Amino acid sequence: MSVKIRLARGGAKKRPFYHIVIADANAPRDGKFIERVGTYNPMLPADHAERVTLVTERLTYWLGNGAQPTDRVERFLAKADLVKAPVRSAQTKQPAPKKKAQEREAARAKAAAAA
């Protein structure tokens, strides 16, 4: 049985509230879970103390038994120094201007420097 540490959504429409749960990987997002180990309230400011609450002793137990956190939960655990921070990939070059636009910009900068 593969076990995940993930978010289960609660709260009203447009007012999300999440429970951090230990669940079987095949269970539905808001369905059956093994244990509730924390909460996440995205409606609170980022620096608020109760935005993320964790039961650290249970999380260390489950991490020791091979439970895999999802990406978002892994960030929470890294902030609490329970796991190593995930490696974030570098920004892609896709949103950068294309070659011809870069050449035009370089020509404009050269003309502005000459003037």
N, C-alpha and C. Protein backbone atom coordinates (compact mmCIF):
# COMPACT_ATOMS: atom_id res chain seq x y z
N MET A 1 0.85 -1.18 0.00
CA MET A 1 0.00 0.00 0.00
C MET A 1 0.89 1.24 0.00
N SER A 2 0.74 2.08 -0.99
CA SER A 2 1.48 3.33 -1.10
C SER A 2 0.75 4.42 -0.32
N VAL A 3 1.48 5.09 0.55
CA VAL A 3 0.87 6.10 1.41
C VAL A 3 1.38 7.48 1.04
N LYS A 4 0.47 8.44 0.98
CA LYS A 4 0.80 9.83 0.63
C LYS A 4 0.43 10.76 1.78
N ILE A 5 1.19 11.84 1.90
CA ILE A 5 0.82 12.93 2.79
C ILE A 5 0.33 14.03 1.86
N ARG A 6 -0.95 14.36 1.94
CA ARG A 6 -1.52 15.29 0.97
C ARG A 6 -2.62 16.15 1.58
N LEU A 7 -3.17 17.04 0.77
CA LEU A 7 -4.21 17.95 1.21
C LEU A 7 -5.58 17.38 0.89
N ALA A 8 -6.53 17.54 1.82
CA ALA A 8 -7.93 17.19 1.59
C ALA A 8 -8.73 18.48 1.77
N ARG A 9 -9.49 18.86 0.75
CA ARG A 9 -10.16 20.16 0.77
C ARG A 9 -11.43 20.12 1.61
N GLY A 10 -11.63 21.22 2.30
CA GLY A 10 -12.84 21.43 3.07
C GLY A 10 -13.24 22.88 2.88
N GLY A 11 -14.16 23.37 3.68
CA GLY A 11 -14.56 24.77 3.58
C GLY A 11 -15.65 24.97 2.55
N ALA A 12 -16.17 26.19 2.54
CA ALA A 12 -17.28 26.53 1.65
C ALA A 12 -16.77 26.90 0.26
N LYS A 13 -17.70 27.17 -0.61
CA LYS A 13 -17.37 27.59 -1.97
C LYS A 13 -16.58 28.91 -1.91
N LYS A 14 -15.47 28.95 -2.61
CA LYS A 14 -14.58 30.11 -2.67
C LYS A 14 -13.97 30.48 -1.33
N ARG A 15 -14.04 29.61 -0.34
CA ARG A 15 -13.42 29.80 0.97
C ARG A 15 -12.69 28.51 1.34
N PRO A 16 -11.59 28.18 0.67
CA PRO A 16 -10.96 26.88 0.88
C PRO A 16 -10.32 26.75 2.26
N PHE A 17 -10.29 25.53 2.74
CA PHE A 17 -9.61 25.14 3.97
C PHE A 17 -9.16 23.71 3.73
N TYR A 18 -7.93 23.42 4.05
CA TYR A 18 -7.40 22.09 3.77
C TYR A 18 -6.94 21.40 5.05
N HIS A 19 -7.17 20.10 5.11
CA HIS A 19 -6.60 19.26 6.15
C HIS A 19 -5.42 18.54 5.52
N ILE A 20 -4.32 18.45 6.25
CA ILE A 20 -3.18 17.67 5.79
C ILE A 20 -3.39 16.27 6.34
N VAL A 21 -3.51 15.30 5.44
CA VAL A 21 -3.88 13.94 5.85
C VAL A 21 -2.88 12.92 5.32
N ILE A 22 -2.87 11.78 5.99
CA ILE A 22 -2.15 10.60 5.53
C ILE A 22 -3.21 9.73 4.87
N ALA A 23 -3.01 9.41 3.58
CA ALA A 23 -4.03 8.64 2.86
C ALA A 23 -3.37 7.66 1.90
N ASP A 24 -4.11 6.62 1.57
CA ASP A 24 -3.69 5.69 0.53
C ASP A 24 -3.62 6.46 -0.78
N ALA A 25 -2.62 6.19 -1.59
CA ALA A 25 -2.43 6.92 -2.84
C ALA A 25 -3.62 6.77 -3.78
N ASN A 26 -4.37 5.67 -3.68
CA ASN A 26 -5.50 5.44 -4.58
C ASN A 26 -6.81 6.00 -4.08
N ALA A 27 -6.83 6.52 -2.85
CA ALA A 27 -8.06 7.07 -2.28
C ALA A 27 -8.37 8.42 -2.93
N PRO A 28 -9.66 8.80 -3.04
CA PRO A 28 -10.00 10.10 -3.62
C PRO A 28 -9.50 11.25 -2.74
N ARG A 29 -9.37 12.44 -3.35
CA ARG A 29 -8.80 13.60 -2.66
C ARG A 29 -9.50 13.89 -1.33
N ASP A 30 -10.83 13.93 -1.34
CA ASP A 30 -11.57 14.25 -0.12
C ASP A 30 -12.18 13.01 0.51
N GLY A 31 -11.71 11.85 0.12
CA GLY A 31 -12.30 10.60 0.59
C GLY A 31 -11.63 10.05 1.83
N LYS A 32 -11.53 8.74 1.88
CA LYS A 32 -11.02 8.02 3.03
C LYS A 32 -9.55 8.37 3.28
N PHE A 33 -9.20 8.59 4.55
CA PHE A 33 -7.81 8.84 4.92
C PHE A 33 -7.48 8.07 6.19
N ILE A 34 -6.20 7.93 6.46
CA ILE A 34 -5.74 7.16 7.61
C ILE A 34 -5.68 8.03 8.86
N GLU A 35 -5.08 9.21 8.72
CA GLU A 35 -4.88 10.07 9.88
C GLU A 35 -4.80 11.53 9.44
N ARG A 36 -5.29 12.42 10.28
CA ARG A 36 -5.21 13.86 10.03
C ARG A 36 -4.02 14.41 10.82
N VAL A 37 -3.07 15.07 10.12
CA VAL A 37 -1.83 15.50 10.78
C VAL A 37 -1.58 17.00 10.68
N GLY A 38 -2.55 17.77 10.24
CA GLY A 38 -2.36 19.22 10.20
C GLY A 38 -3.44 19.90 9.40
N THR A 39 -3.31 21.23 9.32
CA THR A 39 -4.26 22.03 8.55
C THR A 39 -3.52 23.09 7.75
N TYR A 40 -4.17 23.59 6.72
CA TYR A 40 -3.65 24.68 5.89
C TYR A 40 -4.82 25.57 5.53
N ASN A 41 -4.71 26.85 5.89
CA ASN A 41 -5.76 27.82 5.60
C ASN A 41 -5.19 28.91 4.69
N PRO A 42 -5.39 28.79 3.37
CA PRO A 42 -4.81 29.77 2.45
C PRO A 42 -5.46 31.15 2.52
N MET A 43 -6.57 31.28 3.25
CA MET A 43 -7.23 32.57 3.37
C MET A 43 -6.51 33.50 4.36
N LEU A 44 -5.66 32.95 5.21
CA LEU A 44 -4.91 33.75 6.17
C LEU A 44 -3.67 34.34 5.50
N PRO A 45 -3.15 35.45 6.02
CA PRO A 45 -1.92 36.03 5.45
C PRO A 45 -0.75 35.05 5.57
N ALA A 46 0.23 35.22 4.70
CA ALA A 46 1.35 34.27 4.63
C ALA A 46 2.15 34.21 5.93
N ASP A 47 2.21 35.30 6.68
CA ASP A 47 3.01 35.31 7.90
C ASP A 47 2.20 34.97 9.15
N HIS A 48 0.93 34.63 9.00
CA HIS A 48 0.07 34.29 10.14
C HIS A 48 0.49 32.95 10.72
N ALA A 49 0.49 32.84 12.05
CA ALA A 49 0.96 31.63 12.72
C ALA A 49 0.06 30.42 12.46
N GLU A 50 -1.23 30.62 12.25
CA GLU A 50 -2.15 29.50 12.08
C GLU A 50 -2.45 29.17 10.62
N ARG A 51 -1.68 29.73 9.69
CA ARG A 51 -1.89 29.41 8.27
C ARG A 51 -1.61 27.93 8.02
N VAL A 52 -0.51 27.43 8.58
CA VAL A 52 -0.17 26.01 8.47
C VAL A 52 0.11 25.49 9.87
N THR A 53 -0.62 24.46 10.29
CA THR A 53 -0.35 23.80 11.56
C THR A 53 -0.01 22.35 11.27
N LEU A 54 0.99 21.83 11.96
CA LEU A 54 1.46 20.46 11.73
C LEU A 54 1.62 19.72 13.05
N VAL A 55 1.31 18.43 13.03
CA VAL A 55 1.58 17.55 14.17
C VAL A 55 2.91 16.87 13.85
N THR A 56 4.01 17.49 14.30
CA THR A 56 5.34 17.09 13.84
C THR A 56 5.71 15.66 14.23
N GLU A 57 5.34 15.21 15.44
CA GLU A 57 5.74 13.86 15.84
C GLU A 57 5.08 12.79 14.96
N ARG A 58 3.83 12.99 14.57
CA ARG A 58 3.16 12.03 13.70
C ARG A 58 3.72 12.10 12.27
N LEU A 59 4.05 13.30 11.84
CA LEU A 59 4.62 13.44 10.49
C LEU A 59 5.99 12.76 10.41
N THR A 60 6.82 12.92 11.43
CA THR A 60 8.12 12.24 11.41
C THR A 60 7.94 10.73 11.42
N TYR A 61 6.93 10.25 12.15
CA TYR A 61 6.64 8.81 12.16
C TYR A 61 6.28 8.33 10.75
N TRP A 62 5.37 9.03 10.09
CA TRP A 62 4.93 8.60 8.76
C TRP A 62 6.02 8.76 7.72
N LEU A 63 6.81 9.82 7.81
CA LEU A 63 7.94 9.99 6.88
C LEU A 63 8.95 8.86 7.07
N GLY A 64 9.16 8.46 8.33
CA GLY A 64 10.06 7.34 8.62
C GLY A 64 9.54 6.02 8.09
N ASN A 65 8.23 5.90 7.95
CA ASN A 65 7.63 4.67 7.42
C ASN A 65 7.44 4.72 5.91
N GLY A 66 7.95 5.75 5.24
CA GLY A 66 7.94 5.77 3.79
C GLY A 66 6.81 6.53 3.13
N ALA A 67 6.05 7.32 3.88
CA ALA A 67 4.98 8.11 3.27
C ALA A 67 5.60 9.21 2.39
N GLN A 68 5.04 9.42 1.22
CA GLN A 68 5.55 10.40 0.28
C GLN A 68 4.69 11.66 0.29
N PRO A 69 5.26 12.83 0.59
CA PRO A 69 4.46 14.07 0.56
C PRO A 69 4.26 14.56 -0.87
N THR A 70 3.14 15.23 -1.10
CA THR A 70 2.93 15.87 -2.39
C THR A 70 3.79 17.13 -2.45
N ASP A 71 3.84 17.78 -3.61
CA ASP A 71 4.71 18.94 -3.79
C ASP A 71 4.40 20.05 -2.80
N ARG A 72 3.13 20.40 -2.67
CA ARG A 72 2.73 21.49 -1.78
C ARG A 72 3.03 21.14 -0.32
N VAL A 73 2.71 19.93 0.08
CA VAL A 73 2.95 19.52 1.46
C VAL A 73 4.45 19.44 1.73
N GLU A 74 5.22 19.05 0.73
CA GLU A 74 6.67 18.99 0.90
C GLU A 74 7.24 20.36 1.20
N ARG A 75 6.68 21.41 0.60
CA ARG A 75 7.11 22.78 0.91
C ARG A 75 6.81 23.13 2.36
N PHE A 76 5.62 22.75 2.85
CA PHE A 76 5.27 23.01 4.25
C PHE A 76 6.23 22.29 5.19
N LEU A 77 6.53 21.03 4.87
CA LEU A 77 7.42 20.24 5.72
C LEU A 77 8.84 20.78 5.69
N ALA A 78 9.27 21.30 4.56
CA ALA A 78 10.61 21.89 4.45
C ALA A 78 10.71 23.15 5.31
N LYS A 79 9.64 23.94 5.33
CA LYS A 79 9.62 25.14 6.18
C LYS A 79 9.71 24.78 7.65
N ALA A 80 9.14 23.64 8.03
CA ALA A 80 9.17 23.18 9.41
C ALA A 80 10.41 22.34 9.69
N ASP A 81 11.34 22.24 8.75
CA ASP A 81 12.59 21.48 8.87
C ASP A 81 12.37 19.99 9.13
N LEU A 82 11.32 19.43 8.54
CA LEU A 82 11.08 17.99 8.66
C LEU A 82 11.67 17.22 7.48
N VAL A 83 11.77 17.86 6.33
CA VAL A 83 12.39 17.25 5.16
C VAL A 83 13.31 18.28 4.50
N LYS A 84 14.15 17.80 3.61
CA LYS A 84 15.01 18.70 2.85
C LYS A 84 14.16 19.46 1.84
N ALA A 85 14.47 20.73 1.64
CA ALA A 85 13.70 21.56 0.72
C ALA A 85 13.76 20.98 -0.70
N PRO A 86 12.63 20.95 -1.41
CA PRO A 86 12.64 20.42 -2.77
C PRO A 86 13.41 21.34 -3.71
N VAL A 87 14.03 20.74 -4.70
CA VAL A 87 14.78 21.50 -5.70
C VAL A 87 13.79 22.06 -6.71
N ARG A 88 13.81 23.37 -6.88
CA ARG A 88 12.91 24.01 -7.84
C ARG A 88 13.68 24.23 -9.14
N SER A 89 13.07 23.87 -10.23
CA SER A 89 13.73 24.01 -11.52
C SER A 89 13.86 25.48 -11.89
N ALA A 90 14.85 25.77 -12.72
CA ALA A 90 15.08 27.15 -13.15
C ALA A 90 13.97 27.61 -14.08
N GLN A 91 13.80 28.91 -14.17
CA GLN A 91 12.78 29.48 -15.05
C GLN A 91 13.09 29.11 -16.50
N THR A 92 12.10 28.71 -17.24
CA THR A 92 12.31 28.37 -18.64
C THR A 92 12.51 29.62 -19.47
N LYS A 93 12.99 29.44 -20.68
CA LYS A 93 13.22 30.57 -21.57
C LYS A 93 11.99 30.91 -22.39
N GLN A 94 10.93 30.16 -22.23
CA GLN A 94 9.74 30.35 -23.04
C GLN A 94 9.15 31.75 -22.97
N PRO A 95 9.00 32.39 -21.80
CA PRO A 95 8.39 33.72 -21.79
C PRO A 95 9.32 34.83 -22.26
N ALA A 96 10.61 34.53 -22.46
CA ALA A 96 11.55 35.55 -22.92
C ALA A 96 11.25 35.93 -24.37
N PRO A 97 11.60 37.16 -24.78
CA PRO A 97 11.39 37.56 -26.17
C PRO A 97 12.19 36.67 -27.13
N LYS A 98 11.67 36.52 -28.34
CA LYS A 98 12.33 35.68 -29.34
C LYS A 98 13.57 36.40 -29.90
N LYS A 99 14.31 35.70 -30.75
CA LYS A 99 15.60 36.18 -31.24
C LYS A 99 15.50 37.52 -31.95
N LYS A 100 14.53 37.65 -32.85
CA LYS A 100 14.40 38.88 -33.62
C LYS A 100 14.06 40.08 -32.73
N ALA A 101 13.19 39.87 -31.74
CA ALA A 101 12.83 40.94 -30.81
C ALA A 101 14.03 41.34 -29.97
N GLN A 102 14.86 40.38 -29.60
CA GLN A 102 16.07 40.71 -28.84
C GLN A 102 17.04 41.52 -29.69
N GLU A 103 17.14 41.18 -30.97
CA GLU A 103 18.01 41.95 -31.87
C GLU A 103 17.53 43.39 -32.01
N ARG A 104 16.20 43.58 -32.18
CA ARG A 104 15.64 44.93 -32.27
C ARG A 104 15.91 45.73 -31.01
N GLU A 105 15.76 45.08 -29.86
CA GLU A 105 16.00 45.76 -28.57
C GLU A 105 17.46 46.16 -28.44
N ALA A 106 18.36 45.28 -28.88
CA ALA A 106 19.79 45.59 -28.83
C ALA A 106 20.10 46.76 -29.76
N ALA A 107 19.46 46.80 -30.95
CA ALA A 107 19.68 47.91 -31.88
C ALA A 107 19.16 49.23 -31.28
N ARG A 108 18.02 49.19 -30.64
CA ARG A 108 17.46 50.40 -29.98
C ARG A 108 18.39 50.89 -28.87
N ALA A 109 18.91 49.95 -28.07
CA ALA A 109 19.81 50.33 -26.98
C ALA A 109 21.08 50.93 -27.53
N LYS A 110 21.60 50.39 -28.65
CA LYS A 110 22.81 50.90 -29.27
C LYS A 110 22.57 52.30 -29.83
N ALA A 111 21.42 52.51 -30.45
CA ALA A 111 21.07 53.82 -30.99
C ALA A 111 20.89 54.85 -29.87
N ALA A 112 20.29 54.44 -28.77
CA ALA A 112 20.09 55.34 -27.63
C ALA A 112 21.43 55.69 -26.99
N ALA A 113 22.37 54.76 -26.96
CA ALA A 113 23.69 55.03 -26.40
C ALA A 113 24.48 55.96 -27.29
N ALA A 114 24.29 55.83 -28.61
CA ALA A 114 25.01 56.69 -29.56
C ALA A 114 24.46 58.11 -29.52
N ALA A 115 23.19 58.28 -29.20
CA ALA A 115 22.58 59.61 -29.21
C ALA A 115 22.90 60.43 -27.98
